[in-house]
């Protein structure tokens, strides 16, 4: 049950909290939902590289 809480909506809000655009957040959330990994992406205004994995 815990794994189901980390779905598309959770990944979208998590990437948006890292100051990414809505389009990039939607893409990364979809990728997370399908594969369990967002891949590396620029976050925090381009000052950091972030990756979210299951």
Protein backbone atom coordinates (compact mmCIF):
# COMPACT_ATOMS: atom_id res chain seq x y z
CA UNK A 1 0.00 0.00 0.00
CA UNK A 2 2.85 2.42 0.71
CA UNK A 3 4.19 2.11 -2.84
CA UNK A 4 0.78 3.06 -4.28
CA UNK A 5 0.87 6.41 -2.48
CA UNK A 6 3.84 7.40 -4.62
CA UNK A 7 2.04 7.71 -7.92
CA UNK A 8 1.83 10.32 -10.64
CA UNK A 9 0.33 13.03 -8.47
CA UNK A 10 2.97 12.58 -5.76
CA UNK A 11 5.82 12.71 -8.30
CA UNK A 12 4.31 15.79 -9.97
CA UNK A 13 4.02 17.71 -6.72
CA UNK A 14 7.52 16.59 -5.67
CA UNK A 15 9.12 17.84 -8.90
CA UNK A 16 7.12 21.09 -8.75
CA UNK A 17 8.43 21.62 -5.22
CA UNK A 18 11.92 21.55 -6.76
CA UNK A 19 11.06 24.67 -8.81
CA UNK A 20 10.61 23.05 -12.21
CA UNK A 21 8.15 24.10 -14.90
CA UNK A 22 4.71 22.52 -15.09
CA UNK A 23 5.55 20.83 -18.39
CA UNK A 24 8.78 19.32 -17.10
CA UNK A 25 7.09 18.23 -13.87
CA UNK A 26 4.35 16.48 -15.86
CA UNK A 27 6.93 14.73 -18.06
CA UNK A 28 9.02 13.61 -15.07
CA UNK A 29 5.93 12.46 -13.15
CA UNK A 30 4.78 10.42 -16.13
CA UNK A 31 8.22 8.87 -16.48
CA UNK A 32 8.27 8.08 -12.75
CA UNK A 33 4.81 6.53 -12.95
CA UNK A 34 5.77 4.31 -15.90
CA UNK A 35 9.32 3.29 -14.96
CA UNK A 36 9.84 4.19 -11.30
CA UNK A 37 12.61 6.64 -12.17
CA UNK A 38 12.53 10.26 -13.33
CA UNK A 39 16.08 10.32 -14.64
CA UNK A 40 18.34 13.27 -13.90
CA UNK A 41 16.87 16.73 -14.36
CA UNK A 42 17.85 20.28 -13.49
CA UNK A 43 16.05 21.61 -10.43
CA UNK A 44 16.12 24.53 -8.01
CA UNK A 45 16.43 27.04 -10.83
CA UNK A 46 19.17 25.04 -12.59
CA UNK A 47 21.52 24.97 -9.61
CA UNK A 48 21.04 21.28 -8.82
CA UNK A 49 20.59 17.97 -10.59
CA UNK A 50 17.90 15.76 -9.10
CA UNK A 51 16.67 12.22 -9.60
CA UNK A 52 13.65 10.56 -7.96
CA UNK A 53 13.58 6.75 -7.78
CA UNK A 54 11.33 4.17 -6.20
